[in-house]
C-alpha atoms as a PDB file:
ATOM      1  CA  MET A   1       0.062  -0.083  -0.009  1.00  0.00           C
ATOM      2  CA  ILE A   2       1.314   3.522  -0.924  1.00  0.00           C
ATOM      3  CA  GLU A   3       0.527   6.414   1.056  1.00  0.00           C
ATOM      4  CA  ARG A   4       0.998  10.075  -0.073  1.00  0.00           C
ATOM      5  CA  GLN A   5      -0.130  13.444   0.897  1.00  0.00           C
ATOM      6  CA  GLU A   6      -1.439  16.243  -1.335  1.00  0.00           C
ATOM      7  CA  VAL A   7      -1.269  19.784  -0.043  1.00  0.00           C
ATOM      8  CA  THR A   8      -2.995  22.680  -1.542  1.00  0.00           C
ATOM      9  CA  SER A   9      -3.125  26.362  -0.553  1.00  0.00           C
ATOM     10  CA  THR A  10      -5.873  25.849   1.949  1.00  0.00           C
ATOM     11  CA  THR A  11      -6.243  22.082   2.637  1.00  0.00           C
ATOM     12  CA  MET A  12      -4.452  18.962   2.985  1.00  0.00           C
ATOM     13  CA  THR A  13      -5.985  15.785   1.524  1.00  0.00           C
ATOM     14  CA  ARG A  14      -4.729  12.262   2.338  1.00  0.00           C
ATOM     15  CA  VAL A  15      -4.943   9.873  -0.501  1.00  0.00           C
ATOM     16  CA  ILE A  16      -4.376   6.069  -0.021  1.00  0.00           C
ATOM     17  CA  THR A  17      -3.796   4.134  -3.178  1.00  0.00           C
ATOM     18  CA  VAL A  18      -4.131   0.282  -3.217  1.00  0.00           C
ATOM     19  CA  PRO A  19      -2.266  -1.401  -6.048  1.00  0.00           C
ATOM     20  CA  GLY A  20      -4.268  -3.327  -8.448  1.00  0.00           C
ATOM     21  CA  LYS A  21      -7.610  -1.644  -7.809  1.00  0.00           C
ATOM     22  CA  LEU A  22      -9.264   1.386  -9.386  1.00  0.00           C
ATOM     23  CA  PRO A  23     -11.074   4.077  -7.443  1.00  0.00           C
ATOM     24  CA  SER A  24     -14.854   3.451  -7.560  1.00  0.00           C
ATOM     25  CA  TYR A  25     -17.349   6.020  -8.823  1.00  0.00           C
ATOM     26  CA  THR A  26     -21.008   6.347  -8.175  1.00  0.00           C
ATOM     27  CA  ALA A  27     -22.842   5.707 -11.541  1.00  0.00           C
ATOM     28  CA  ILE A  28     -25.732   7.637 -12.490  1.00  0.00           C
ATOM     29  CA  GLU A  29     -28.897   5.676 -12.087  1.00  0.00           C
ATOM     30  CA  ARG A  30     -30.620   4.705 -15.272  1.00  0.00           C
ATOM     31  CA  PRO A  31     -33.871   3.045 -14.515  1.00  0.00           C
ATOM     32  CA  SER A  32     -35.233   0.961 -17.582  1.00  0.00           C
ATOM     33  CA  MET A  33     -38.808   2.150 -16.840  1.00  0.00           C
ATOM     34  CA  VAL A  34     -39.669   5.579 -15.717  1.00  0.00           C
ATOM     35  CA  GLU A  35     -42.847   7.367 -14.884  1.00  0.00           C
ATOM     36  CA  TRP A  36     -43.787   9.589 -17.834  1.00  0.00           C
ATOM     37  CA  SER A  37     -46.942  11.246 -16.801  1.00  0.00           C
ATOM     38  CA  ARG A  38     -50.302  10.716 -15.126  1.00  0.00           C
ATOM     39  CA  THR A  39     -53.914  10.518 -16.495  1.00  0.00           C
ATOM     40  CA  ASN A  40     -56.698  12.641 -15.411  1.00  0.00           C
ATOM     41  CA  ASP A  41     -57.566  10.172 -12.640  1.00  0.00           C
ATOM     42  CA  TRP A  42     -53.928  10.023 -11.656  1.00  0.00           C
ATOM     43  CA  LYS A  43     -52.987   6.689 -13.105  1.00  0.00           C
ATOM     44  CA  ILE A  44     -49.414   6.434 -13.826  1.00  0.00           C
ATOM     45  CA  ILE A  45     -48.129   6.091 -17.410  1.00  0.00           C
ATOM     46  CA  THR A  46     -44.828   4.543 -17.699  1.00  0.00           C
ATOM     47  CA  ILE A  47     -42.333   4.447 -20.577  1.00  0.00           C
ATOM     48  CA  ASN A  48     -39.177   2.458 -21.347  1.00  0.00           C
ATOM     49  CA  SER A  49     -36.089   4.452 -21.534  1.00  0.00           C
ATOM     50  CA  SER A  50     -35.175   2.717 -24.771  1.00  0.00           C
ATOM     51  CA  VAL A  51     -38.079   4.182 -26.616  1.00  0.00           C
ATOM     52  CA  ILE A  52     -36.647   7.780 -26.121  1.00  0.00           C
ATOM     53  CA  ASP A  53     -33.126   6.479 -26.940  1.00  0.00           C
ATOM     54  CA  SER A  54     -34.071   4.911 -30.214  1.00  0.00           C
ATOM     55  CA  ALA A  55     -36.274   7.912 -31.186  1.00  0.00           C
ATOM     56  CA  TYR A  56     -33.450  10.256 -30.523  1.00  0.00           C
ATOM     57  CA  ASN A  57     -31.015   8.265 -32.662  1.00  0.00           C
ATOM     58  CA  GLU A  58     -33.689   8.338 -35.460  1.00  0.00           C
ATOM     59  CA  ILE A  59     -34.830  11.995 -35.442  1.00  0.00           C
ATOM     60  CA  THR A  60     -31.122  13.333 -35.543  1.00  0.00           C
ATOM     61  CA  LYS A  61     -30.873  12.151 -39.106  1.00  0.00           C
ATOM     62  CA  TRP A  62     -34.257  13.710 -40.173  1.00  0.00           C
ATOM     63  CA  ARG A  63     -34.090  17.006 -42.552  1.00  0.00           C
ATOM     64  CA  LYS A  64     -34.998  20.079 -40.952  1.00  0.00           C
ATOM     65  CA  ASN A  65     -38.791  20.824 -41.280  1.00  0.00           C
ATOM     66  CA  VAL A  66     -40.341  22.430 -38.344  1.00  0.00           C
ATOM     67  CA  PHE A  67     -42.741  25.415 -37.841  1.00  0.00           C
ATOM     68  CA  LEU A  68     -42.708  28.201 -35.339  1.00  0.00           C
ATOM     69  CA  VAL A  69     -44.329  27.771 -31.935  1.00  0.00           C
ATOM     70  CA  PRO A  70     -47.791  28.987 -32.237  1.00  0.00           C
ATOM     71  CA  TYR A  71     -49.214  31.619 -29.908  1.00  0.00           C
ATOM     72  CA  GLY A  72     -51.985  31.135 -27.411  1.00  0.00           C
ATOM     73  CA  LYS A  73     -52.696  28.113 -25.180  1.00  0.00           C
ATOM     74  CA  THR A  74     -51.244  25.301 -27.241  1.00  0.00           C
ATOM     75  CA  GLY A  75     -47.908  27.092 -27.665  1.00  0.00           C
ATOM     76  CA  ARG A  76     -47.859  27.688 -23.964  1.00  0.00           C
ATOM     77  CA  ASP A  77     -48.605  24.034 -23.433  1.00  0.00           C
ATOM     78  CA  PHE A  78     -45.798  23.073 -25.615  1.00  0.00           C
ATOM     79  CA  ILE A  79     -43.359  25.442 -23.833  1.00  0.00           C
ATOM     80  CA  ASP A  80     -44.423  24.159 -20.550  1.00  0.00           C
ATOM     81  CA  GLN A  81     -43.757  20.507 -21.642  1.00  0.00           C
ATOM     82  CA  LEU A  82     -40.385  21.367 -22.856  1.00  0.00           C
ATOM     83  CA  THR A  83     -39.622  23.159 -19.752  1.00  0.00           C
ATOM     84  CA  LYS A  84     -40.595  20.170 -17.681  1.00  0.00           C
ATOM     85  CA  HIS A  85     -38.016  18.138 -19.329  1.00  0.00           C
ATOM     86  CA  ILE A  86     -35.313  20.583 -18.796  1.00  0.00           C
ATOM     87  CA  ASP A  87     -36.310  20.788 -15.069  1.00  0.00           C
ATOM     88  CA  ASP A  88     -35.764  17.067 -14.970  1.00  0.00           C
ATOM     89  CA  TRP A  89     -32.399  17.578 -15.982  1.00  0.00           C
ATOM     90  CA  ASN A  90     -31.476  20.377 -13.780  1.00  0.00           C
ATOM     91  CA  ASN A  91     -33.109  18.809 -10.639  1.00  0.00           C
ATOM     92  CA  ASN A  92     -31.598  15.372 -11.018  1.00  0.00           C
ATOM     93  CA  THR A  93     -34.820  13.527 -11.129  1.00  0.00           C
ATOM     94  CA  ARG A  94     -35.225   9.766 -12.245  1.00  0.00           C
ATOM     95  CA  MET A  95     -35.693  11.087 -15.707  1.00  0.00           C
ATOM     96  CA  GLN A  96     -32.471  12.977 -15.761  1.00  0.00           C
ATOM     97  CA  HIS A  97     -30.746  10.445 -18.031  1.00  0.00           C
ATOM     98  CA  LEU A  98     -33.498  10.965 -20.675  1.00  0.00           C
ATOM     99  CA  ALA A  99     -34.428  14.545 -20.120  1.00  0.00           C
ATOM    100  CA  LEU A 100     -32.423  16.275 -22.733  1.00  0.00           C
ATOM    101  CA  LYS A 101     -32.977  13.582 -25.460  1.00  0.00           C
ATOM    102  CA  ALA A 102     -36.785  13.732 -24.665  1.00  0.00           C
ATOM    103  CA  ALA A 103     -36.605  17.553 -25.210  1.00  0.00           C
ATOM    104  CA  VAL A 104     -35.013  17.124 -28.511  1.00  0.00           C
ATOM    105  CA  VAL A 105     -37.404  14.380 -29.634  1.00  0.00           C
ATOM    106  CA  LEU A 106     -40.271  16.622 -28.519  1.00  0.00           C
ATOM    107  CA  LEU A 107     -38.995  19.576 -30.608  1.00  0.00           C
ATOM    108  CA  VAL A 108     -38.637  17.575 -33.663  1.00  0.00           C
ATOM    109  CA  THR A 109     -41.639  15.373 -33.650  1.00  0.00           C
ATOM    110  CA  ALA A 110     -44.198  17.905 -32.264  1.00  0.00           C
ATOM    111  CA  LEU A 111     -43.251  20.826 -34.605  1.00  0.00           C
ATOM    112  CA  GLN A 112     -42.897  18.884 -37.953  1.00  0.00           C
ATOM    113  CA  LYS A 113     -44.403  21.008 -40.612  1.00  0.00           C
ATOM    114  CA  PRO A 114     -47.124  18.490 -42.135  1.00  0.00           C
ATOM    115  CA  SER A 115     -46.829  20.008 -45.815  1.00  0.00           C
ATOM    116  CA  GLN A 116     -45.164  22.790 -47.710  1.00  0.00           C
ATOM    117  CA  LYS A 117     -48.386  24.595 -47.966  1.00  0.00           C
ATOM    118  CA  SER A 118     -49.729  24.219 -44.459  1.00  0.00           C
ATOM    119  CA  LYS A 119     -50.806  27.317 -42.713  1.00  0.00           C
ATOM    120  CA  ALA A 120     -50.657  28.428 -38.997  1.00  0.00           C
ATOM    121  CA  LYS A 121     -54.073  27.067 -38.275  1.00  0.00           C
ATOM    122  CA  ASP A 122     -52.871  23.749 -39.341  1.00  0.00           C
ATOM    123  CA  HIS A 123     -49.735  23.922 -37.295  1.00  0.00           C
ATOM    124  CA  GLN A 124     -51.823  24.668 -34.207  1.00  0.00           C
ATOM    125  CA  GLU A 125     -54.182  21.709 -34.743  1.00  0.00           C
ATOM    126  CA  CYS A 126     -51.236  19.348 -35.258  1.00  0.00           C
ATOM    127  CA  LEU A 127     -49.324  20.682 -32.233  1.00  0.00           C
ATOM    128  CA  GLU A 128     -52.365  20.283 -30.023  1.00  0.00           C
ATOM    129  CA  LYS A 129     -53.139  16.605 -31.140  1.00  0.00           C
ATOM    130  CA  ARG A 130     -49.315  15.822 -30.883  1.00  0.00           C
ATOM    131  CA  LEU A 131     -48.938  17.056 -27.342  1.00  0.00           C
ATOM    132  CA  LEU A 132     -51.715  14.729 -26.338  1.00  0.00           C
ATOM    133  CA  LEU A 133     -50.058  11.819 -27.966  1.00  0.00           C
ATOM    134  CA  TRP A 134     -46.797  13.004 -26.393  1.00  0.00           C
ATOM    135  CA  SER A 135     -48.588  13.041 -22.833  1.00  0.00           C
ATOM    136  CA  ARG A 136     -49.767   9.518 -23.226  1.00  0.00           C
ATOM    137  CA  GLY A 137     -46.444   8.292 -24.074  1.00  0.00           C
ATOM    138  CA  GLU A 138     -47.415   7.123 -27.581  1.00  0.00           C
ATOM    139  CA  ILE A 139     -43.937   8.146 -29.086  1.00  0.00           C
ATOM    140  CA  GLU A 140     -44.007   5.492 -31.743  1.00  0.00           C
ATOM    141  CA  CYS A 141     -47.234   7.153 -33.285  1.00  0.00           C
ATOM    142  CA  LEU A 142     -45.462  10.413 -33.494  1.00  0.00           C
ATOM    143  CA  LEU A 143     -42.472   8.779 -35.126  1.00  0.00           C
ATOM    144  CA  ARG A 144     -44.697   7.173 -37.872  1.00  0.00           C
ATOM    145  CA  GLU A 145     -46.239  10.525 -38.687  1.00  0.00           C
ATOM    146  CA  GLY A 146     -42.771  12.149 -38.934  1.00  0.00           C
ATOM    147  CA  ARG A 147     -41.453   9.425 -41.065  1.00  0.00           C
ATOM    148  CA  ALA A 148     -44.304   9.897 -43.486  1.00  0.00           C
ATOM    149  CA  ILE A 149     -43.425  13.678 -43.649  1.00  0.00           C
ATOM    150  CA  GLN A 150     -39.779  12.900 -44.135  1.00  0.00           C
ATOM    151  CA  ARG A 151     -40.307  10.660 -47.063  1.00  0.00           C
ATOM    152  CA  ARG A 152     -42.430  13.262 -48.756  1.00  0.00           C
ATOM    153  CA  LEU A 153     -39.596  15.654 -48.272  1.00  0.00           C
ATOM    154  CA  THR A 154     -37.076  13.322 -49.725  1.00  0.00           C
ATOM    155  CA  MET A 155     -39.392  12.795 -52.689  1.00  0.00           C
ATOM    156  CA  SER A 156     -39.985  16.467 -53.470  1.00  0.00           C
ATOM    157  CA  SER A 157     -36.183  17.196 -53.209  1.00  0.00           C
ATOM    158  CA  ARG A 158     -35.590  14.667 -55.934  1.00  0.00           C
ATOM    159  CA  LYS A 159     -37.722  16.556 -58.344  1.00  0.00           C
ATOM    160  CA  ASP A 160     -35.627  19.737 -58.094  1.00  0.00           C
ATOM    161  CA  PRO A 161     -32.390  19.427 -60.022  1.00  0.00           C
ATOM    162  CA  PRO A 162     -29.197  20.782 -58.310  1.00  0.00           C
ATOM    163  CA  GLY A 163     -28.367  24.411 -59.143  1.00  0.00           C
ATOM    164  CA  LYS A 164     -31.999  25.312 -59.954  1.00  0.00           C
ATOM    165  CA  ALA A 165     -31.604  28.465 -57.945  1.00  0.00           C
ATOM    166  CA  LYS A 166     -28.483  29.447 -59.826  1.00  0.00           C
ATOM    167  CA  ILE A 167     -30.255  28.907 -63.167  1.00  0.00           C
ATOM    168  CA  PHE A 168     -33.136  30.897 -62.133  1.00  0.00           C
ATOM    169  CA  ALA A 169     -30.999  33.932 -60.837  1.00  0.00           C
ATOM    170  CA  LYS A 170     -28.887  33.798 -64.234  1.00  0.00           C
ATOM    171  CA  LEU A 171     -31.944  33.995 -66.237  1.00  0.00           C
ATOM    172  CA  VAL A 172     -33.324  36.934 -64.332  1.00  0.00           C
ATOM    173  CA  MET A 173     -30.101  38.746 -64.440  1.00  0.00           C
ATOM    174  CA  GLU A 174     -30.123  38.329 -68.150  1.00  0.00           C
ATOM    175  CA  GLY A 175     -33.799  39.767 -68.367  1.00  0.00           C
ATOM    176  CA  GLN A 176     -35.199  36.355 -69.467  1.00  0.00           C
ATOM    177  CA  PHE A 177     -38.145  36.605 -67.004  1.00  0.00           C
ATOM    178  CA  ASN A 178     -40.487  34.145 -68.955  1.00  0.00           C
ATOM    179  CA  SER A 179     -37.617  31.563 -69.161  1.00  0.00           C
ATOM    180  CA  ALA A 180     -36.888  31.979 -65.433  1.00  0.00           C
ATOM    181  CA  LEU A 181     -40.557  31.479 -64.534  1.00  0.00           C
ATOM    182  CA  HIS A 182     -40.966  28.464 -66.696  1.00  0.00           C
ATOM    183  CA  ASN A 183     -37.873  27.057 -65.028  1.00  0.00           C
ATOM    184  CA  LEU A 184     -39.471  27.360 -61.788  1.00  0.00           C
ATOM    185  CA  SER A 185     -42.507  25.394 -62.748  1.00  0.00           C
ATOM    186  CA  GLU A 186     -42.463  21.759 -61.638  1.00  0.00           C
ATOM    187  CA  LYS A 187     -44.152  20.561 -64.854  1.00  0.00           C
ATOM    188  CA  GLU A 188     -41.769  19.727 -67.560  1.00  0.00           C
ATOM    189  CA  SER A 189     -44.621  20.144 -70.116  1.00  0.00           C
ATOM    190  CA  GLY A 190     -48.198  21.235 -69.835  1.00  0.00           C
ATOM    191  CA  GLY A 191     -51.437  21.609 -71.709  1.00  0.00           C
ATOM    192  CA  VAL A 192     -54.379  19.062 -72.584  1.00  0.00           C
ATOM    193  CA  LEU A 193     -53.776  16.381 -75.033  1.00  0.00           C
ATOM    194  CA  THR A 194     -55.981  16.043 -77.950  1.00  0.00           C
ATOM    195  CA  MET A 195     -58.499  13.207 -77.625  1.00  0.00           C
ATOM    196  CA  THR A 196     -57.352  10.635 -80.074  1.00  0.00           C
ATOM    197  CA  ASP A 197     -57.857   6.932 -80.451  1.00  0.00           C
ATOM    198  CA  ASP A 198     -54.297   6.315 -79.156  1.00  0.00           C
ATOM    199  CA  VAL A 199     -54.981   8.607 -76.211  1.00  0.00           C
ATOM    200  CA  MET A 200     -58.184   6.918 -75.176  1.00  0.00           C
ATOM    201  CA  GLN A 201     -56.424   3.431 -75.441  1.00  0.00           C
ATOM    202  CA  GLN A 202     -53.630   4.529 -73.282  1.00  0.00           C
ATOM    203  CA  LEU A 203     -56.135   6.005 -70.692  1.00  0.00           C
ATOM    204  CA  ARG A 204     -58.165   2.758 -70.611  1.00  0.00           C
ATOM    205  CA  HIS A 205     -54.805   0.699 -70.150  1.00  0.00           C
ATOM    206  CA  LYS A 206     -54.011   2.872 -67.173  1.00  0.00           C
ATOM    207  CA  HIS A 207     -57.559   2.856 -65.801  1.00  0.00           C
ATOM    208  CA  PRO A 208     -58.948  -0.685 -66.295  1.00  0.00           C
ATOM    209  CA  GLU A 209     -62.515  -1.709 -65.258  1.00  0.00           C
ATOM    210  CA  ALA A 210     -63.126  -2.368 -61.684  1.00  0.00           C
ATOM    211  CA  GLN A 211     -63.079  -6.044 -60.487  1.00  0.00           C
ATOM    212  CA  GLU A 212     -64.511  -7.858 -57.576  1.00  0.00           C
ATOM    213  CA  VAL A 213     -62.743  -7.749 -54.582  1.00  0.00           C
ATOM    214  CA  LYS A 214     -60.768 -10.925 -53.637  1.00  0.00           C
ATOM    215  CA  LEU A 215     -60.558 -12.291 -49.939  1.00  0.00           C
ATOM    216  CA  GLY A 216     -56.845 -12.336 -49.994  1.00  0.00           C
ATOM    217  CA  THR A 217     -56.720  -8.485 -50.705  1.00  0.00           C
ATOM    218  CA  LEU A 218     -58.772  -7.643 -47.426  1.00  0.00           C
ATOM    219  CA  LEU A 219     -57.188  -6.440 -44.278  1.00  0.00           C
ATOM    220  CA  PHE A 220     -58.446  -7.980 -41.041  1.00  0.00           C
ATOM    221  CA  GLY A 221     -57.515  -7.122 -37.426  1.00  0.00           C
ATOM    222  CA  PRO A 222     -56.721  -3.645 -35.905  1.00  0.00           C
ATOM    223  CA  VAL A 223     -55.445  -0.993 -38.130  1.00  0.00           C
ATOM    224  CA  GLN A 224     -53.175   1.940 -36.974  1.00  0.00           C
ATOM    225  CA  ASP A 225     -54.528   5.401 -36.995  1.00  0.00           C
ATOM    226  CA  THR A 226     -54.013   7.399 -40.102  1.00  0.00           C
ATOM    227  CA  PRO A 227     -51.686  10.521 -39.264  1.00  0.00           C
ATOM    228  CA  ASP A 228     -53.526  13.891 -39.518  1.00  0.00           C
ATOM    229  CA  LEU A 229     -51.051  15.175 -42.124  1.00  0.00           C
ATOM    230  CA  TYR A 230     -52.858  12.905 -44.804  1.00  0.00           C
ATOM    231  CA  HIS A 231     -56.152  14.732 -44.073  1.00  0.00           C
ATOM    232  CA  ILE A 232     -54.247  18.203 -44.271  1.00  0.00           C
ATOM    233  CA  GLN A 233     -52.561  17.461 -47.593  1.00  0.00           C
ATOM    234  CA  THR A 234     -55.839  16.137 -49.066  1.00  0.00           C
ATOM    235  CA  ASN A 235     -57.668  19.307 -48.245  1.00  0.00           C
ATOM    236  CA  GLN A 236     -54.948  21.682 -49.666  1.00  0.00           C
ATOM    237  CA  ARG A 237     -55.051  20.009 -53.129  1.00  0.00           C
END
């Protein structure tokens, strides 16, 4: 056993070192199941820590697509929920090991813009429903909706060729405004086709006559809820 003394300006600390042994540290407690929230009748809702961990690992790879926090009660409820997670971190609660990750997951999933043309009213309605799902611990439902939105973002980005903004700016600087506006159009060609026999044949080929449903094509059992973003996008078309 080796004994030494360490002297500072104000204190003297005695350190005892035992060869072959490392000093022990108190590890931060990481419970697998934590109390997430409570229902209106004070029943405890628990959640597995791995749910937040896996959600955080997934949303960090998503493209940025969030709307501003709306005003009013819904916006205040969102800030209150976000503040709760930050308080869990600061106050060393049993949720401390998940608090910051939960705050980031809440920011990304709750503020996902449902579509490119969505309005402030749509954002407020989405946020209100997402906060309810969050309070119930239904994180997977929020992730499913977010994944659908992210897929649409990826598909829309593939339509725009790289350097499209540069081409538009170049045409404007050259005074070719019609060409610049045409370049912004998502349609490569427009107009209505003349109804000919060939066009009619192609339309019939693409839209065959309806057939009787087959038993193997039917879906039985519980069906997951359809995210609200589909209803919003349908109304805006």
